[in-house]
C-alpha atoms as a PDB file:
ATOM      1  CA  MET A   1     -12.423  -1.530   8.747  1.00  0.00           C
ATOM      2  CA  ASP A   2     -15.019  -2.204   6.043  1.00  0.00           C
ATOM      3  CA  ARG A   3     -14.122   0.976   4.149  1.00  0.00           C
ATOM      4  CA  VAL A   4     -10.411   0.069   4.200  1.00  0.00           C
ATOM      5  CA  MET A   5     -11.086  -3.420   2.859  1.00  0.00           C
ATOM      6  CA  ILE A   6     -13.410  -2.127   0.138  1.00  0.00           C
ATOM      7  CA  LEU A   7     -10.846   0.437  -1.005  1.00  0.00           C
ATOM      8  CA  ALA A   8      -8.051  -2.159  -0.817  1.00  0.00           C
ATOM      9  CA  SER A   9      -9.874  -4.463  -3.209  1.00  0.00           C
ATOM     10  CA  GLN A  10     -10.779  -1.894  -5.862  1.00  0.00           C
ATOM     11  CA  LYS A  11      -7.444  -1.843  -7.690  1.00  0.00           C
ATOM     12  CA  ALA A  12      -4.473  -4.175  -8.188  1.00  0.00           C
ATOM     13  CA  VAL A  13      -2.258  -2.020  -5.930  1.00  0.00           C
ATOM     14  CA  VAL A  14      -3.596   0.233  -3.189  1.00  0.00           C
ATOM     15  CA  ILE A  15      -1.423   2.376  -0.935  1.00  0.00           C
ATOM     16  CA  PHE A  16      -2.679   4.032   2.227  1.00  0.00           C
ATOM     17  CA  SER A  17      -0.320   6.928   2.780  1.00  0.00           C
ATOM     18  CA  SER A  18       0.307  10.305   4.372  1.00  0.00           C
ATOM     19  CA  SER A  19       1.198  13.161   2.047  1.00  0.00           C
ATOM     20  CA  SER A  20       4.025  14.396   4.285  1.00  0.00           C
ATOM     21  CA  CYS A  21       5.648  11.017   5.058  1.00  0.00           C
ATOM     22  CA  CYS A  22       9.039  10.397   3.437  1.00  0.00           C
ATOM     23  CA  MET A  23       8.688   6.603   3.636  1.00  0.00           C
ATOM     24  CA  CYS A  24       5.283   6.833   1.963  1.00  0.00           C
ATOM     25  CA  HIS A  25       6.856   8.904  -0.807  1.00  0.00           C
ATOM     26  CA  THR A  26       9.603   6.290  -1.238  1.00  0.00           C
ATOM     27  CA  VAL A  27       7.141   3.418  -1.608  1.00  0.00           C
ATOM     28  CA  LYS A  28       4.891   5.364  -3.998  1.00  0.00           C
ATOM     29  CA  ARG A  29       7.913   6.270  -6.108  1.00  0.00           C
ATOM     30  CA  LEU A  30       9.112   2.657  -6.197  1.00  0.00           C
ATOM     31  CA  PHE A  31       5.787   1.491  -7.597  1.00  0.00           C
ATOM     32  CA  CYS A  32       5.739   4.280 -10.177  1.00  0.00           C
ATOM     33  CA  GLU A  33       9.282   3.413 -11.282  1.00  0.00           C
ATOM     34  CA  LEU A  34       8.211  -0.206 -11.684  1.00  0.00           C
ATOM     35  CA  GLY A  35       5.429   0.974 -14.013  1.00  0.00           C
ATOM     36  CA  VAL A  36       2.598   0.414 -11.564  1.00  0.00           C
ATOM     37  CA  HIS A  37      -0.145   2.990 -11.136  1.00  0.00           C
ATOM     38  CA  PRO A  38      -1.447   2.375  -7.619  1.00  0.00           C
ATOM     39  CA  ALA A  39      -4.548   3.835  -6.068  1.00  0.00           C
ATOM     40  CA  VAL A  40      -3.195   6.135  -3.359  1.00  0.00           C
ATOM     41  CA  HIS A  41      -5.293   7.226  -0.402  1.00  0.00           C
ATOM     42  CA  GLU A  42      -3.668  10.091   1.500  1.00  0.00           C
ATOM     43  CA  LEU A  43      -5.159   9.576   4.950  1.00  0.00           C
ATOM     44  CA  ASP A  44      -4.205  13.052   6.158  1.00  0.00           C
ATOM     45  CA  GLU A  45      -6.424  14.445   3.384  1.00  0.00           C
ATOM     46  CA  GLU A  46      -9.376  12.057   3.834  1.00  0.00           C
ATOM     47  CA  PRO A  47     -12.306  13.061   6.056  1.00  0.00           C
ATOM     48  CA  SER A  48     -12.318   9.607   7.660  1.00  0.00           C
ATOM     49  CA  GLY A  49      -8.529   9.235   7.555  1.00  0.00           C
ATOM     50  CA  ARG A  50      -8.044   8.795  11.306  1.00  0.00           C
ATOM     51  CA  GLU A  51     -10.575   5.974  11.447  1.00  0.00           C
ATOM     52  CA  MET A  52      -8.986   4.264   8.448  1.00  0.00           C
ATOM     53  CA  GLU A  53      -5.534   4.607  10.024  1.00  0.00           C
ATOM     54  CA  SER A  54      -6.854   2.993  13.208  1.00  0.00           C
ATOM     55  CA  ALA A  55      -8.239   0.104  11.163  1.00  0.00           C
ATOM     56  CA  LEU A  56      -4.871  -0.319   9.443  1.00  0.00           C
ATOM     57  CA  LEU A  57      -3.166  -0.310  12.836  1.00  0.00           C
ATOM     58  CA  GLN A  58      -5.387  -3.196  13.903  1.00  0.00           C
ATOM     59  CA  LEU A  59      -4.508  -5.127  10.745  1.00  0.00           C
ATOM     60  CA  LEU A  60      -0.768  -4.602  11.187  1.00  0.00           C
ATOM     61  CA  GLY A  61      -0.772  -4.991  14.952  1.00  0.00           C
ATOM     62  CA  ARG A  62       1.778  -2.276  15.637  1.00  0.00           C
ATOM     63  CA  ASN A  63       2.075   1.475  16.155  1.00  0.00           C
ATOM     64  CA  ARG A  64       3.598   2.724  12.903  1.00  0.00           C
ATOM     65  CA  THR A  65       1.201   2.089  10.060  1.00  0.00           C
ATOM     66  CA  LEU A  66       2.014   4.172   7.021  1.00  0.00           C
ATOM     67  CA  PRO A  67       2.429   3.408   4.258  1.00  0.00           C
ATOM     68  CA  VAL A  68       0.306   0.297   4.096  1.00  0.00           C
ATOM     69  CA  VAL A  69       0.216  -1.558   0.783  1.00  0.00           C
ATOM     70  CA  PHE A  70      -2.331  -4.018  -0.566  1.00  0.00           C
ATOM     71  CA  VAL A  71      -1.615  -6.025  -3.717  1.00  0.00           C
ATOM     72  CA  GLY A  72      -4.430  -7.973  -5.310  1.00  0.00           C
ATOM     73  CA  GLY A  73      -6.653  -7.122  -2.355  1.00  0.00           C
ATOM     74  CA  ARG A  74      -4.253  -8.761   0.112  1.00  0.00           C
ATOM     75  CA  LEU A  75      -2.313  -6.931   2.794  1.00  0.00           C
ATOM     76  CA  VAL A  76       1.384  -6.942   1.897  1.00  0.00           C
ATOM     77  CA  GLY A  77       2.506  -4.612   4.656  1.00  0.00           C
ATOM     78  CA  SER A  78       4.524  -1.497   5.187  1.00  0.00           C
ATOM     79  CA  THR A  79       7.810  -0.161   3.853  1.00  0.00           C
ATOM     80  CA  ASP A  80       9.974  -2.914   5.308  1.00  0.00           C
ATOM     81  CA  ASN A  81       7.876  -5.664   3.725  1.00  0.00           C
ATOM     82  CA  ILE A  82       7.753  -3.928   0.345  1.00  0.00           C
ATOM     83  CA  MET A  83      11.502  -3.307   0.262  1.00  0.00           C
ATOM     84  CA  ALA A  84      12.275  -6.872   1.359  1.00  0.00           C
ATOM     85  CA  LEU A  85      10.086  -8.242  -1.436  1.00  0.00           C
ATOM     86  CA  HIS A  86      11.670  -5.880  -3.960  1.00  0.00           C
ATOM     87  CA  LEU A  87      15.252  -6.659  -2.951  1.00  0.00           C
ATOM     88  CA  GLY A  88      14.480 -10.376  -2.904  1.00  0.00           C
ATOM     89  CA  GLY A  89      13.083 -10.269  -6.444  1.00  0.00           C
ATOM     90  CA  LYS A  90       9.588 -11.233  -5.310  1.00  0.00           C
ATOM     91  CA  LEU A  91       7.731  -7.944  -5.738  1.00  0.00           C
ATOM     92  CA  THR A  92       7.563  -7.958  -9.545  1.00  0.00           C
ATOM     93  CA  PRO A  93       6.102 -11.496  -9.779  1.00  0.00           C
ATOM     94  CA  LEU A  94       3.560 -10.558  -7.097  1.00  0.00           C
ATOM     95  CA  LEU A  95       2.565  -7.474  -9.104  1.00  0.00           C
ATOM     96  CA  ARG A  96       2.258  -9.516 -12.308  1.00  0.00           C
ATOM     97  CA  GLU A  97       0.075 -12.069 -10.552  1.00  0.00           C
ATOM     98  CA  ALA A  98      -2.224  -9.288  -9.319  1.00  0.00           C
ATOM     99  CA  GLY A  99      -2.491  -7.778 -12.811  1.00  0.00           C
ATOM    100  CA  ALA A 100      -0.610  -4.595 -11.923  1.00  0.00           C
ATOM    101  CA  LEU A 101       2.173  -5.301 -14.458  1.00  0.00           C
ATOM    102  CA  TRP A 102       1.834  -6.695 -17.950  1.00  0.00           C
ATOM    103  CA  LEU A 103       5.456  -7.349 -18.890  1.00  0.00           C
END
């Protein structure tokens, strides 16, 4: 859990992902199209990826964990949360507040 929280606080936007997950790809692409350059941790390529995924599962409190997004060091959630914020017009202000967007 400590490693996840340290990584989550090192950049304005941090995505814990799996390189073969289509929903992870969708969320990463959304952030790139918004002009955000997130730190992406592909858990299937990390030596301690399984342990970090278990920690993320505990934070989310459910079975499906990836992708998991942190903005400004705070847990925002998975795909459904990110898309709801985006469609509701709340994602961009959140990213500006965290320093991930300048304009």
